[in-house]
Protein backbone atom coordinates (compact mmCIF):
# COMPACT_ATOMS: atom_id res chain seq x y z
CA MET A 1 -56.20 33.31 27.99
CA ARG A 2 -53.85 33.24 30.94
CA ARG A 3 -54.49 35.97 33.49
CA ARG A 4 -51.36 38.08 34.11
CA THR A 5 -50.17 37.79 37.76
CA PRO A 6 -50.13 41.25 39.28
CA PRO A 7 -46.76 42.54 40.49
CA PRO A 8 -46.09 42.53 44.26
CA PRO A 9 -46.73 45.67 46.16
CA ALA A 10 -44.07 48.26 46.36
CA PRO A 11 -41.71 47.78 49.32
CA LEU A 12 -40.67 51.37 49.20
CA PRO A 13 -42.94 54.31 50.42
CA GLN A 14 -43.72 57.25 48.13
CA ARG A 15 -41.34 60.31 48.28
CA ASP A 16 -43.06 63.67 47.96
CA GLY A 17 -46.07 61.97 46.52
CA VAL A 18 -44.07 60.15 43.82
CA ASP A 19 -44.08 56.36 43.52
CA PRO A 20 -40.80 54.38 43.44
CA VAL A 21 -39.80 53.06 40.06
CA ARG A 22 -40.66 49.36 39.56
CA LEU A 23 -38.69 47.33 37.00
CA ARG A 24 -39.18 43.74 36.02
CA LEU A 25 -36.13 42.06 34.77
CA PRO A 26 -36.76 40.85 31.11
CA GLU A 27 -36.28 37.42 29.70
CA GLY A 28 -33.11 36.86 27.61
CA GLY A 29 -30.05 39.01 27.61
CA ALA A 30 -26.57 38.25 28.65
CA TRP A 31 -26.41 40.13 31.91
CA ALA A 32 -24.67 38.31 34.75
CA THR A 33 -25.87 40.57 37.54
CA VAL A 34 -28.81 42.87 38.29
CA ARG A 35 -26.37 45.74 38.43
CA GLU A 36 -25.06 45.04 34.80
CA HIS A 37 -28.70 45.21 33.54
CA LEU A 38 -29.53 48.47 35.33
CA VAL A 39 -26.37 50.22 34.11
CA GLU A 40 -27.32 49.38 30.48
CA ARG A 41 -31.02 50.13 30.95
CA LEU A 42 -30.61 53.28 32.89
CA THR A 43 -28.24 54.94 30.51
CA GLY A 44 -29.95 58.39 31.11
CA ALA A 45 -29.21 58.26 34.82
CA GLY A 46 -25.76 59.72 34.39
CA PRO A 47 -22.27 58.18 34.90
CA GLY A 48 -21.81 56.38 38.20
CA MET A 49 -25.47 56.86 39.34
CA VAL A 50 -26.49 53.15 39.33
CA GLU A 51 -23.18 52.24 41.19
CA ALA A 52 -24.12 54.99 43.76
CA MET A 53 -27.66 53.62 44.14
CA PHE A 54 -26.32 50.18 44.95
CA ALA A 55 -23.66 51.54 47.29
CA ALA A 56 -26.37 53.38 49.20
CA ASP A 57 -28.74 50.32 49.36
CA GLN A 58 -31.36 52.20 47.33
CA VAL A 59 -32.21 49.26 45.03
CA VAL A 60 -34.49 46.74 46.76
CA GLY A 61 -36.27 43.61 45.92
CA ALA A 62 -39.81 42.49 46.70
CA ASP A 63 -38.99 41.71 50.33
CA GLY A 64 -37.73 45.29 50.86
CA ARG A 65 -34.13 44.18 51.41
CA PRO A 66 -31.27 45.87 49.46
CA VAL A 67 -30.09 44.11 46.31
CA PRO A 68 -26.43 43.66 46.39
CA PRO A 69 -24.49 44.85 43.33
CA ASP A 70 -23.35 41.29 42.66
CA ALA A 71 -26.80 39.76 42.87
CA PRO A 72 -27.29 37.30 39.97
CA TYR A 73 -29.57 38.32 37.22
CA ARG A 74 -32.96 36.45 37.39
CA PRO A 75 -35.59 37.00 34.59
CA GLY A 76 -38.88 38.14 36.02
CA MET A 77 -37.43 39.53 39.22
CA PHE A 78 -38.78 42.85 40.31
CA VAL A 79 -36.65 45.65 41.78
CA TRP A 80 -37.68 49.05 43.02
CA PHE A 81 -35.76 52.35 43.64
CA HIS A 82 -36.43 56.04 43.77
CA ARG A 83 -35.08 57.86 40.77
CA GLU A 84 -33.34 61.25 41.07
CA LEU A 85 -36.12 63.67 40.31
CA PRO A 86 -35.43 66.26 37.61
CA ALA A 87 -34.79 69.85 38.65
CA GLU A 88 -38.31 71.42 38.47
CA VAL A 89 -39.31 75.05 38.67
CA PRO A 90 -42.04 75.26 41.43
CA VAL A 91 -45.37 76.15 40.00
CA PRO A 92 -46.50 78.93 42.37
CA PHE A 93 -50.25 78.30 42.29
CA ALA A 94 -52.31 75.97 44.55
CA VAL A 95 -54.32 73.06 43.70
CA GLU A 96 -57.82 73.71 45.08
CA VAL A 97 -59.94 70.77 46.32
CA VAL A 98 -63.56 71.31 45.19
CA TYR A 99 -64.95 68.05 46.57
CA ARG A 100 -63.78 65.07 48.56
CA ASP A 101 -65.37 61.86 49.87
CA GLU A 102 -64.15 58.33 50.44
CA HIS A 103 -64.17 57.47 46.79
CA ILE A 104 -63.14 60.57 44.85
CA VAL A 105 -61.33 63.90 44.93
CA VAL A 106 -62.25 66.70 42.50
CA ALA A 107 -59.49 69.24 42.19
CA ASP A 108 -59.29 72.62 40.45
CA LYS A 109 -55.91 72.61 38.75
CA PRO A 110 -54.00 75.77 37.95
CA HIS A 111 -52.31 76.51 34.68
CA PHE A 112 -48.82 75.22 34.24
CA LEU A 113 -49.15 72.30 36.57
CA ALA A 114 -49.22 68.83 34.90
CA THR A 115 -51.91 66.42 36.07
CA THR A 116 -49.64 63.35 36.48
CA PRO A 117 -45.89 62.70 36.44
CA ARG A 118 -44.62 62.75 32.91
CA GLY A 119 -41.33 63.53 31.32
CA SER A 120 -39.58 66.38 33.14
CA HIS A 121 -42.68 67.14 35.33
CA VAL A 122 -42.71 64.74 38.32
CA ALA A 123 -43.07 66.35 41.75
CA GLN A 124 -44.60 69.45 40.28
CA THR A 125 -47.87 67.66 39.37
CA ALA A 126 -51.31 67.86 40.74
CA LEU A 127 -51.28 64.15 41.65
CA ALA A 128 -48.01 64.36 43.62
CA ARG A 129 -49.21 67.41 45.50
CA LEU A 130 -52.55 66.02 46.35
CA ARG A 131 -51.03 62.67 47.53
CA HIS A 132 -48.76 64.50 49.87
CA GLU A 133 -51.20 67.23 51.06
CA LEU A 134 -54.15 65.03 51.61
CA ASP A 135 -52.18 62.01 52.91
CA LEU A 136 -53.67 59.82 50.26
CA PRO A 137 -50.75 57.74 48.76
CA ALA A 138 -53.11 55.56 46.64
CA LEU A 139 -54.72 58.58 44.93
CA THR A 140 -54.75 58.16 41.11
CA ALA A 141 -56.17 60.25 38.20
CA ALA A 142 -59.31 59.08 36.38
CA HIS A 143 -58.39 61.31 33.43
CA ARG A 144 -55.93 64.07 32.54
CA LEU A 145 -55.81 67.76 31.67
CA ASP A 146 -52.93 69.27 29.53
CA ARG A 147 -50.39 70.97 31.74
CA LEU A 148 -51.24 74.32 30.23
CA THR A 149 -54.99 74.00 30.76
CA ALA A 150 -56.53 74.85 34.15
CA GLY A 151 -59.65 73.48 35.71
CA LEU A 152 -61.47 70.41 37.06
CA VAL A 153 -59.77 67.04 37.35
CA LEU A 154 -61.28 63.81 38.86
CA PHE A 155 -59.09 61.65 41.07
CA THR A 156 -59.95 58.24 42.65
CA VAL A 157 -59.08 57.38 46.17
CA ARG A 158 -59.31 53.60 46.03
CA PRO A 159 -57.27 51.75 43.42
CA GLY A 160 -59.81 49.09 42.97
CA GLU A 161 -62.51 51.60 41.95
CA ARG A 162 -60.31 53.51 39.44
CA GLY A 163 -61.48 51.47 36.49
CA ALA A 164 -65.18 52.34 37.11
CA TYR A 165 -64.44 56.14 36.98
CA GLN A 166 -62.09 55.76 33.99
CA ASN A 167 -64.90 54.00 32.22
CA LEU A 168 -67.12 57.07 32.62
CA PHE A 169 -64.79 58.97 30.34
CA ARG A 170 -64.25 56.09 27.95
CA ASP A 171 -67.95 55.61 27.56
CA ARG A 172 -68.65 59.35 27.30
CA ARG A 173 -70.85 59.39 30.38
CA VAL A 174 -69.20 62.58 31.68
CA ARG A 175 -70.49 66.06 30.59
CA LYS A 176 -67.39 68.26 30.29
CA GLU A 177 -67.70 72.03 29.53
CA TYR A 178 -64.71 74.25 28.87
CA GLU A 179 -64.27 77.94 28.57
CA ALA A 180 -61.78 79.69 26.22
CA VAL A 181 -60.80 83.30 25.33
CA ALA A 182 -59.93 83.78 21.67
CA PRO A 183 -60.24 86.48 18.95
CA TYR A 184 -63.83 87.33 17.98
CA ASP A 185 -64.68 86.95 14.31
CA PRO A 186 -68.12 88.40 13.45
CA ALA A 187 -68.04 86.28 10.28
CA LEU A 188 -67.83 82.97 12.12
CA ALA A 189 -71.24 81.38 12.38
CA LEU A 190 -71.88 79.98 15.87
CA PRO A 191 -73.03 77.82 17.47
CA ARG A 192 -71.65 74.91 15.51
CA THR A 193 -70.47 71.41 15.99
CA VAL A 194 -66.93 70.80 14.63
CA ARG A 195 -66.00 67.19 13.53
CA SER A 196 -62.55 66.14 12.20
CA ARG A 197 -59.98 63.48 12.42
CA ILE A 198 -57.01 64.55 14.72
CA LEU A 199 -53.66 62.88 14.61
CA LYS A 200 -51.07 63.24 17.39
CA GLU A 201 -47.75 61.66 16.62
CA ARG A 202 -45.37 60.65 19.38
CA GLY A 203 -42.46 63.15 19.70
CA VAL A 204 -44.32 65.88 17.61
CA PRO A 205 -45.53 68.69 19.80
CA ALA A 206 -48.61 69.66 17.91
CA ALA A 207 -51.51 67.48 16.69
CA ARG A 208 -52.98 68.03 13.26
CA GLU A 209 -56.16 67.40 11.32
CA VAL A 210 -55.93 64.80 8.66
CA GLU A 211 -58.32 63.16 6.15
CA GLY A 212 -60.49 60.29 7.25
CA GLU A 213 -63.29 59.33 9.55
CA PRO A 214 -63.83 61.96 12.22
CA ASN A 215 -62.50 60.95 15.72
CA ALA A 216 -62.92 64.37 17.40
CA GLU A 217 -66.24 66.34 17.99
CA THR A 218 -66.69 69.72 19.90
CA ARG A 219 -69.74 71.90 20.25
CA VAL A 220 -68.54 75.53 19.87
CA GLU A 221 -70.69 78.42 21.30
CA LEU A 222 -69.94 82.10 21.65
CA ALA A 223 -70.89 83.18 25.24
CA GLU A 224 -70.15 86.84 24.71
CA HIS A 225 -67.77 89.14 23.00
CA ARG A 226 -66.18 92.61 23.44
CA CYS A 227 -63.22 94.59 22.27
CA GLY A 228 -62.22 92.06 19.58
CA LEU A 229 -62.25 89.09 22.01
CA GLY A 230 -64.72 86.27 22.44
CA ARG A 231 -65.56 84.11 25.38
CA TYR A 232 -66.32 80.68 24.01
CA ARG A 233 -68.12 77.73 25.62
CA LEU A 234 -66.79 74.41 24.35
CA VAL A 235 -68.48 71.01 24.94
CA PRO A 236 -66.42 68.14 23.66
CA ALA A 237 -68.02 64.79 22.86
CA THR A 238 -64.60 63.12 22.44
CA GLY A 239 -61.24 63.50 24.16
CA GLN A 240 -58.52 63.63 21.56
CA THR A 241 -55.13 65.26 22.58
CA HIS A 242 -55.30 69.05 22.18
CA GLN A 243 -58.76 68.66 20.55
CA LEU A 244 -60.25 71.96 21.68
CA ARG A 245 -57.09 73.94 20.73
CA VAL A 246 -56.96 72.35 17.30
CA HIS A 247 -60.57 72.99 16.54
CA LEU A 248 -60.62 76.67 17.54
CA ALA A 249 -57.35 77.27 15.60
CA ALA A 250 -58.92 75.56 12.53
CA LEU A 251 -62.00 77.95 12.81
CA GLY A 252 -59.52 80.90 12.74
CA VAL A 253 -59.84 81.87 16.37
CA PRO A 254 -56.84 80.29 18.13
CA ILE A 255 -56.89 80.33 21.91
CA LEU A 256 -54.92 83.12 23.46
CA GLY A 257 -51.60 82.10 24.89
CA ASP A 258 -51.32 79.02 22.83
CA PRO A 259 -47.68 78.10 21.96
CA LEU A 260 -48.67 75.36 19.50
CA TYR A 261 -51.63 76.47 17.49
CA PRO A 262 -51.98 77.66 14.78
CA GLU A 263 -48.13 77.72 14.64
CA VAL A 264 -45.52 76.16 16.95
CA THR A 265 -43.75 79.16 18.57
CA GLY A 266 -41.68 77.03 20.97
CA PRO A 267 -42.18 75.78 24.55
CA VAL A 268 -43.05 78.24 27.26
CA PRO A 269 -39.81 78.92 29.14
CA ALA A 270 -39.63 77.20 32.64
CA GLY A 271 -40.55 79.73 35.21
CA ASP A 272 -42.51 81.98 32.78
CA PHE A 273 -46.14 82.10 34.26
CA ARG A 274 -47.10 85.42 32.75
CA ARG A 275 -49.57 84.57 29.95
CA PRO A 276 -51.21 81.21 30.60
CA LEU A 277 -53.22 79.51 27.92
CA GLN A 278 -56.78 80.82 28.12
CA LEU A 279 -58.45 77.46 28.40
CA LEU A 280 -60.36 76.31 31.45
CA ALA A 281 -62.17 73.11 32.22
CA ARG A 282 -65.18 74.80 33.71
CA ARG A 283 -67.68 72.10 34.56
CA LEU A 284 -67.72 68.34 35.22
CA GLU A 285 -70.99 66.52 35.59
CA PHE A 286 -71.55 62.71 36.02
CA THR A 287 -73.42 59.99 37.91
CA ASP A 288 -71.10 58.41 40.42
CA PRO A 289 -70.63 54.70 39.27
CA VAL A 290 -69.96 53.52 42.79
CA THR A 291 -72.47 55.54 44.99
CA GLY A 292 -75.06 56.41 42.35
CA ALA A 293 -74.94 60.11 43.35
CA HIS A 294 -75.25 62.75 40.76
CA HIS A 295 -72.38 65.17 40.76
CA ALA A 296 -71.92 68.61 39.05
CA PHE A 297 -68.91 70.72 39.82
CA THR A 298 -67.84 74.16 38.62
CA SER A 299 -64.31 75.55 38.65
CA GLY A 300 -63.80 78.69 40.69
CA ARG A 301 -61.11 79.98 38.33
CA HIS A 302 -61.27 82.78 35.85
CA LEU A 303 -59.49 83.45 32.57
CA ARG A 304 -57.55 86.55 33.11
CA ALA A 305 -57.47 87.69 29.49
CA TRP A 306 -61.24 88.08 29.83
CA THR A 307 -61.41 89.64 33.21
CA SER A 308 -58.37 91.83 32.74
CA TYR A 309 -56.65 91.62 29.35
CA THR A 310 -53.97 94.18 30.38
CA ASP A 311 -53.13 92.08 33.44
CA TRP A 312 -52.84 88.93 31.33
CA SER A 313 -50.95 90.33 28.29
CA GLY A 314 -48.94 93.30 29.69
CA ALA A 315 -50.28 95.28 26.76
CA ALA A 316 -52.31 98.56 26.97
CA GLY A 317 -55.53 96.96 25.98
CA PRO A 318 -57.23 94.20 24.04
CA PRO A 319 -56.96 93.92 20.34
CA GLY A 320 -59.64 95.60 18.23
């Protein structure tokens, strides 16, 4: 099997912790120039945007020099540019660094902040912020937390070591423990291990359980309860999208503040930070694959619906 040649390094620096876009011109097609191809490919950039980028010398080749608008199209050629970032509402909560050494950074992510750039969340992400604040442009995420979930995330400092840390999660050699606040049901027998098959379809906001071989497993324990609410300890053995949210909803105790489960109520409006999803990645424990050190980290965050339901909900008091 032929080994794929890695792309050349980016000739443009990051901007606010965000990498430049890299495009490789595909084989085939009837484009005469690089500009023609980009106009067709970047249809969502807005009218005149590509022409403006060329006029401002913002499209560059592997040598870092601007690509002229009449540059002939060459299949396999790489070009770079910085995209116009979407207008983002700043998330007014800090990313706390729990641990840092020459190999890894462990961060305590707040609710509402995406882990990595995706869709309309680019600069307002934990990765972009940490790259900028720590002056670590090569920082990458070893795994990901949902934007609405708070808690511990592992980042890698050296690109060449990222695979080793990613394999920890792939091979289930990381013990992850979550905390959630949800309704208390005295008839629900706990602890228990929930196993099901979860399907998440592209373009569909919510995942769902389907028939078939289980691909998701969660240990669910009740840590304590009061006033109709329960504080749950969740230990996932797998990492399916929205797994914990799906499993608690299926048990009849959906996590407080969840806009998707058990019913889709619509996206949380931008700038509405009042009632965050009450799910927290509380602990992360693993043996470092590079140094051999044993690591165990605990989030310093708390779920407000448990510490002060009134403060979280704006209501007079907890249900029940």
